Amino acid sequence: MLDFSVTFIFTLINIAILFLILRKILFKPVTKFMAERAQKVQDSIDQAEINKADAAKLLAEYEAKLKKAEDDTRQILSDAAKNAERLTEQIIAEGKKEAANIIALAHKQIEDEHEASLAKFRLEAAALVIAAAAKLASRDFSGDDNKPYINLLLEELSTHASSQKGRN
């Protein structure tokens, strides 16, 4: 049978005491250190998850702001192009209007100058005709009694000048 000796019992007691001492001195601090370390690692992982979520949120905000800025830029460019086109059309219309006014003014001025030249021509022609007729008739036609003849002559010259103008 088994023989229990005193050394065996002392050995068991020593092992039990050693276990308790090691447990008190070594196992509890190591277990506590490991638990603290595991908690720090878990806290770091949790903080990293929070930071990752915050970064994703910020990224989404920045992307939304960037998209809005791009849309605003496109709108501003579109508005600027429309304004430039409208301004160009307005300048062209004003230019055409001003050119038409200048042309109309030039036509009026030409017509006025033509009328003035024609009137001067009539007066000079009438004076020449009267002078020639006076020489032919050896008499002076400068009096008021000759005004109807002068007006008749001017009418004839006007009719003749109008028919010449129509041919040109």
C-alpha atoms as a PDB file:
ATOM      1  CA  MET A   1       0.000   0.000   0.000  1.00  0.00           C
ATOM      2  CA  LEU A   2       0.827   3.463  -0.070  1.00  0.00           C
ATOM      3  CA  ASP A   3       3.039   4.618   2.527  1.00  0.00           C
ATOM      4  CA  PHE A   4       2.579   8.203   3.470  1.00  0.00           C
ATOM      5  CA  SER A   5       5.614   9.613   4.871  1.00  0.00           C
ATOM      6  CA  VAL A   6       6.173  12.826   6.698  1.00  0.00           C
ATOM      7  CA  THR A   7       8.298  14.201   3.895  1.00  0.00           C
ATOM      8  CA  PHE A   8       5.521  13.718   1.547  1.00  0.00           C
ATOM      9  CA  ILE A   9       3.206  15.737   3.724  1.00  0.00           C
ATOM     10  CA  PHE A  10       5.859  18.440   4.163  1.00  0.00           C
ATOM     11  CA  THR A  11       6.339  18.517   0.451  1.00  0.00           C
ATOM     12  CA  LEU A  12       2.623  18.956  -0.057  1.00  0.00           C
ATOM     13  CA  ILE A  13       2.477  21.703   2.536  1.00  0.00           C
ATOM     14  CA  ASN A  14       5.510  23.405   0.964  1.00  0.00           C
ATOM     15  CA  ILE A  15       3.914  23.217  -2.459  1.00  0.00           C
ATOM     16  CA  ALA A  16       0.660  24.672  -1.102  1.00  0.00           C
ATOM     17  CA  ILE A  17       2.506  27.488   0.694  1.00  0.00           C
ATOM     18  CA  LEU A  18       4.620  28.167  -2.348  1.00  0.00           C
ATOM     19  CA  PHE A  19       1.466  28.235  -4.493  1.00  0.00           C
ATOM     20  CA  LEU A  20      -0.197  30.725  -2.173  1.00  0.00           C
ATOM     21  CA  ILE A  21       2.901  32.916  -1.989  1.00  0.00           C
ATOM     22  CA  LEU A  22       3.381  32.875  -5.762  1.00  0.00           C
ATOM     23  CA  ARG A  23      -0.289  33.539  -6.248  1.00  0.00           C
ATOM     24  CA  LYS A  24      -0.184  36.498  -3.919  1.00  0.00           C
ATOM     25  CA  ILE A  25       3.109  37.879  -5.156  1.00  0.00           C
ATOM     26  CA  LEU A  26       3.213  36.900  -8.819  1.00  0.00           C
ATOM     27  CA  PHE A  27      -0.108  35.753 -10.269  1.00  0.00           C
ATOM     28  CA  LYS A  28      -2.295  38.624  -9.011  1.00  0.00           C
ATOM     29  CA  PRO A  29       0.021  41.413 -10.244  1.00  0.00           C
ATOM     30  CA  VAL A  30       0.598  39.632 -13.555  1.00  0.00           C
ATOM     31  CA  THR A  31      -3.122  39.038 -13.956  1.00  0.00           C
ATOM     32  CA  LYS A  32      -3.824  42.656 -12.986  1.00  0.00           C
ATOM     33  CA  PHE A  33      -1.152  43.877 -15.436  1.00  0.00           C
ATOM     34  CA  MET A  34      -2.580  41.706 -18.206  1.00  0.00           C
ATOM     35  CA  ALA A  35      -6.116  42.921 -17.477  1.00  0.00           C
ATOM     36  CA  GLU A  36      -4.949  46.570 -17.521  1.00  0.00           C
ATOM     37  CA  ARG A  37      -3.037  45.970 -20.724  1.00  0.00           C
ATOM     38  CA  ALA A  38      -6.062  44.291 -22.325  1.00  0.00           C
ATOM     39  CA  GLN A  39      -8.205  47.225 -21.193  1.00  0.00           C
ATOM     40  CA  LYS A  40      -5.731  49.731 -22.711  1.00  0.00           C
ATOM     41  CA  VAL A  41      -5.694  47.795 -25.964  1.00  0.00           C
ATOM     42  CA  GLN A  42      -9.500  47.692 -25.983  1.00  0.00           C
ATOM     43  CA  ASP A  43      -9.652  51.443 -25.201  1.00  0.00           C
ATOM     44  CA  SER A  44      -7.205  52.115 -28.061  1.00  0.00           C
ATOM     45  CA  ILE A  45      -9.328  50.018 -30.410  1.00  0.00           C
ATOM     46  CA  ASP A  46     -12.492  51.828 -29.289  1.00  0.00           C
ATOM     47  CA  GLN A  47     -10.785  55.221 -29.688  1.00  0.00           C
ATOM     48  CA  ALA A  48      -9.540  54.191 -33.133  1.00  0.00           C
ATOM     49  CA  GLU A  49     -13.093  53.211 -34.109  1.00  0.00           C
ATOM     50  CA  ILE A  50     -14.374  56.580 -32.862  1.00  0.00           C
ATOM     51  CA  ASN A  51     -11.612  58.397 -34.738  1.00  0.00           C
ATOM     52  CA  LYS A  52     -12.365  56.367 -37.856  1.00  0.00           C
ATOM     53  CA  ALA A  53     -16.065  57.247 -37.606  1.00  0.00           C
ATOM     54  CA  ASP A  54     -15.189  60.936 -37.069  1.00  0.00           C
ATOM     55  CA  ALA A  55     -12.816  60.849 -40.028  1.00  0.00           C
ATOM     56  CA  ALA A  56     -15.495  59.252 -42.212  1.00  0.00           C
ATOM     57  CA  LYS A  57     -17.966  61.909 -41.083  1.00  0.00           C
ATOM     58  CA  LEU A  58     -15.480  64.711 -41.818  1.00  0.00           C
ATOM     59  CA  LEU A  59     -14.659  63.155 -45.180  1.00  0.00           C
ATOM     60  CA  ALA A  60     -18.366  63.056 -46.060  1.00  0.00           C
ATOM     61  CA  GLU A  61     -18.742  66.709 -44.965  1.00  0.00           C
ATOM     62  CA  TYR A  62     -15.714  67.792 -47.001  1.00  0.00           C
ATOM     63  CA  GLU A  63     -16.914  65.870 -50.033  1.00  0.00           C
ATOM     64  CA  ALA A  64     -20.330  67.528 -49.716  1.00  0.00           C
ATOM     65  CA  LYS A  65     -18.686  70.954 -49.378  1.00  0.00           C
ATOM     66  CA  LEU A  66     -16.447  70.218 -52.365  1.00  0.00           C
ATOM     67  CA  LYS A  67     -19.432  69.129 -54.444  1.00  0.00           C
ATOM     68  CA  LYS A  68     -21.320  72.271 -53.421  1.00  0.00           C
ATOM     69  CA  ALA A  69     -18.291  74.404 -54.297  1.00  0.00           C
ATOM     70  CA  GLU A  70     -18.047  72.691 -57.697  1.00  0.00           C
ATOM     71  CA  ASP A  71     -21.758  73.256 -58.299  1.00  0.00           C
ATOM     72  CA  ASP A  72     -21.408  76.901 -57.249  1.00  0.00           C
ATOM     73  CA  THR A  73     -18.425  77.284 -59.580  1.00  0.00           C
ATOM     74  CA  ARG A  74     -20.372  75.784 -62.473  1.00  0.00           C
ATOM     75  CA  GLN A  75     -23.309  78.090 -61.715  1.00  0.00           C
ATOM     76  CA  ILE A  76     -21.060  81.159 -61.514  1.00  0.00           C
ATOM     77  CA  LEU A  77     -19.378  80.245 -64.801  1.00  0.00           C
ATOM     78  CA  SER A  78     -22.749  79.633 -66.431  1.00  0.00           C
ATOM     79  CA  ASP A  79     -24.075  82.975 -65.174  1.00  0.00           C
ATOM     80  CA  ALA A  80     -20.918  84.740 -66.331  1.00  0.00           C
ATOM     81  CA  ALA A  81     -21.221  83.177 -69.797  1.00  0.00           C
ATOM     82  CA  LYS A  82     -24.886  84.198 -70.019  1.00  0.00           C
ATOM     83  CA  ASN A  83     -24.049  87.733 -68.874  1.00  0.00           C
ATOM     84  CA  ALA A  84     -21.211  87.964 -71.372  1.00  0.00           C
ATOM     85  CA  GLU A  85     -23.469  86.742 -74.169  1.00  0.00           C
ATOM     86  CA  ARG A  86     -26.215  89.173 -73.167  1.00  0.00           C
ATOM     87  CA  LEU A  87     -23.724  92.026 -72.929  1.00  0.00           C
ATOM     88  CA  THR A  88     -22.283  91.094 -76.329  1.00  0.00           C
ATOM     89  CA  GLU A  89     -25.740  91.086 -77.884  1.00  0.00           C
ATOM     90  CA  GLN A  90     -26.516  94.409 -76.222  1.00  0.00           C
ATOM     91  CA  ILE A  91     -23.278  95.972 -77.502  1.00  0.00           C
ATOM     92  CA  ILE A  92     -23.932  94.632 -81.005  1.00  0.00           C
ATOM     93  CA  ALA A  93     -27.508  95.956 -80.944  1.00  0.00           C
ATOM     94  CA  GLU A  94     -26.300  99.353 -79.736  1.00  0.00           C
ATOM     95  CA  GLY A  95     -23.627  99.355 -82.440  1.00  0.00           C
ATOM     96  CA  LYS A  96     -26.184  98.514 -85.133  1.00  0.00           C
ATOM     97  CA  LYS A  97     -28.517 101.199 -83.813  1.00  0.00           C
ATOM     98  CA  GLU A  98     -25.715 103.762 -83.729  1.00  0.00           C
ATOM     99  CA  ALA A  99     -24.610 102.749 -87.246  1.00  0.00           C
ATOM    100  CA  ALA A 100     -28.190 103.101 -88.486  1.00  0.00           C
ATOM    101  CA  ASN A 101     -28.400 106.548 -86.849  1.00  0.00           C
ATOM    102  CA  ILE A 102     -25.111 107.584 -88.440  1.00  0.00           C
ATOM    103  CA  ILE A 103     -26.256 106.315 -91.842  1.00  0.00           C
ATOM    104  CA  ALA A 104     -29.613 108.090 -91.495  1.00  0.00           C
ATOM    105  CA  LEU A 105     -27.836 111.279 -90.423  1.00  0.00           C
ATOM    106  CA  ALA A 106     -25.440 110.979 -93.359  1.00  0.00           C
ATOM    107  CA  HIS A 107     -28.361 110.461 -95.790  1.00  0.00           C
ATOM    108  CA  LYS A 108     -30.138 113.487 -94.305  1.00  0.00           C
ATOM    109  CA  GLN A 109     -26.978 115.554 -94.525  1.00  0.00           C
ATOM    110  CA  ILE A 110     -26.435 114.463 -98.138  1.00  0.00           C
ATOM    111  CA  GLU A 111     -30.056 115.265 -98.952  1.00  0.00           C
ATOM    112  CA  ASP A 112     -29.757 118.680 -97.255  1.00  0.00           C
ATOM    113  CA  GLU A 113     -26.537 119.422 -99.101  1.00  0.00           C
ATOM    114  CA  HIS A 114     -28.121 118.272-102.348  1.00  0.00           C
ATOM    115  CA  GLU A 115     -31.142 120.525-101.763  1.00  0.00           C
ATOM    116  CA  ALA A 116     -28.881 123.444-100.853  1.00  0.00           C
ATOM    117  CA  SER A 117     -26.759 122.862-103.951  1.00  0.00           C
ATOM    118  CA  LEU A 118     -29.858 122.569-106.124  1.00  0.00           C
ATOM    119  CA  ALA A 119     -31.292 125.775-104.667  1.00  0.00           C
ATOM    120  CA  LYS A 120     -27.996 127.563-105.221  1.00  0.00           C
ATOM    121  CA  PHE A 121     -27.855 126.169-108.750  1.00  0.00           C
ATOM    122  CA  ARG A 122     -31.378 127.390-109.437  1.00  0.00           C
ATOM    123  CA  LEU A 123     -30.572 130.860-108.180  1.00  0.00           C
ATOM    124  CA  GLU A 124     -27.373 131.032-110.189  1.00  0.00           C
ATOM    125  CA  ALA A 125     -29.063 129.582-113.282  1.00  0.00           C
ATOM    126  CA  ALA A 126     -31.923 132.057-112.925  1.00  0.00           C
ATOM    127  CA  ALA A 127     -29.467 134.904-112.577  1.00  0.00           C
ATOM    128  CA  LEU A 128     -27.565 133.713-115.643  1.00  0.00           C
ATOM    129  CA  VAL A 129     -30.728 133.265-117.685  1.00  0.00           C
ATOM    130  CA  ILE A 130     -31.968 136.690-116.640  1.00  0.00           C
ATOM    131  CA  ALA A 131     -28.606 138.228-117.443  1.00  0.00           C
ATOM    132  CA  ALA A 132     -28.544 136.494-120.825  1.00  0.00           C
ATOM    133  CA  ALA A 133     -32.144 137.432-121.558  1.00  0.00           C
ATOM    134  CA  ALA A 134     -31.453 140.989-120.473  1.00  0.00           C
ATOM    135  CA  LYS A 135     -28.538 141.210-122.805  1.00  0.00           C
ATOM    136  CA  LEU A 136     -30.629 139.755-125.575  1.00  0.00           C
ATOM    137  CA  ALA A 137     -33.465 142.074-124.968  1.00  0.00           C
ATOM    138  CA  SER A 138     -31.188 144.899-123.932  1.00  0.00           C
ATOM    139  CA  ARG A 139     -33.228 145.641-120.986  1.00  0.00           C
ATOM    140  CA  ASP A 140     -33.008 145.188-117.253  1.00  0.00           C
ATOM    141  CA  PHE A 141     -35.126 142.369-115.699  1.00  0.00           C
ATOM    142  CA  SER A 142     -34.240 143.003-112.101  1.00  0.00           C
ATOM    143  CA  GLY A 143     -37.460 144.651-111.048  1.00  0.00           C
ATOM    144  CA  ASP A 144     -40.437 143.228-109.153  1.00  0.00           C
ATOM    145  CA  ASP A 145     -42.520 143.029-112.303  1.00  0.00           C
ATOM    146  CA  ASN A 146     -40.272 140.157-113.495  1.00  0.00           C
ATOM    147  CA  LYS A 147     -40.770 137.912-110.440  1.00  0.00           C
ATOM    148  CA  PRO A 148     -43.425 135.732-112.099  1.00  0.00           C
ATOM    149  CA  TYR A 149     -41.028 135.056-114.965  1.00  0.00           C
ATOM    150  CA  ILE A 150     -38.251 134.203-112.529  1.00  0.00           C
ATOM    151  CA  ASN A 151     -40.515 131.796-110.587  1.00  0.00           C
ATOM    152  CA  LEU A 152     -41.651 130.176-113.839  1.00  0.00           C
ATOM    153  CA  LEU A 153     -38.027 129.748-114.870  1.00  0.00           C
ATOM    154  CA  LEU A 154     -37.132 128.265-111.464  1.00  0.00           C
ATOM    155  CA  GLU A 155     -40.030 125.793-111.802  1.00  0.00           C
ATOM    156  CA  GLU A 156     -38.788 124.728-115.197  1.00  0.00           C
ATOM    157  CA  LEU A 157     -35.266 124.279-113.842  1.00  0.00           C
ATOM    158  CA  SER A 158     -36.609 122.283-110.892  1.00  0.00           C
ATOM    159  CA  THR A 159     -38.591 120.003-113.207  1.00  0.00           C
ATOM    160  CA  HIS A 160     -35.582 119.607-115.450  1.00  0.00           C
ATOM    161  CA  ALA A 161     -33.254 118.876-112.444  1.00  0.00           C
ATOM    162  CA  SER A 162     -35.753 116.323-111.028  1.00  0.00           C
ATOM    163  CA  SER A 163     -35.925 114.517-114.364  1.00  0.00           C
ATOM    164  CA  GLN A 164     -32.086 114.527-114.470  1.00  0.00           C
ATOM    165  CA  LYS A 165     -31.991 113.162-110.916  1.00  0.00           C
ATOM    166  CA  GLY A 166     -34.408 110.357-111.825  1.00  0.00           C
ATOM    167  CA  ARG A 167     -32.109 109.283-114.668  1.00  0.00           C
ATOM    168  CA  ASN A 168     -29.106 108.994-112.329  1.00  0.00           C
END
